[in-house]
């Protein structure tokens, strides 16, 4: 018996979409909740400052299909995390 799709997604991911280069994987998780909770910190850690300035959106995607035959489906866009907060002087 061949199963072409599964009832639950196998994996979720957050992908940074740039204005001048190919997209980049930011975070991979087993649920959308896990990805939403961890992508902002990963965004700051993985991407250099100049790369973060070129991000136009962050796509939340889920895997649809079997492990060896499927595709990533766009679910929604996530908020682009704000830059590091500056310390107030004086």
Foldseek 3Di string as FASTA:
>chain_A
DDDWWDPDFQKKFKWFPFPPDHIGTQDIDRDPVVRLVPRQVSLVVVDDPVRLVGGPWIWIWTWITDPVDTDTDTDDTDDSDDDDDDDDDD
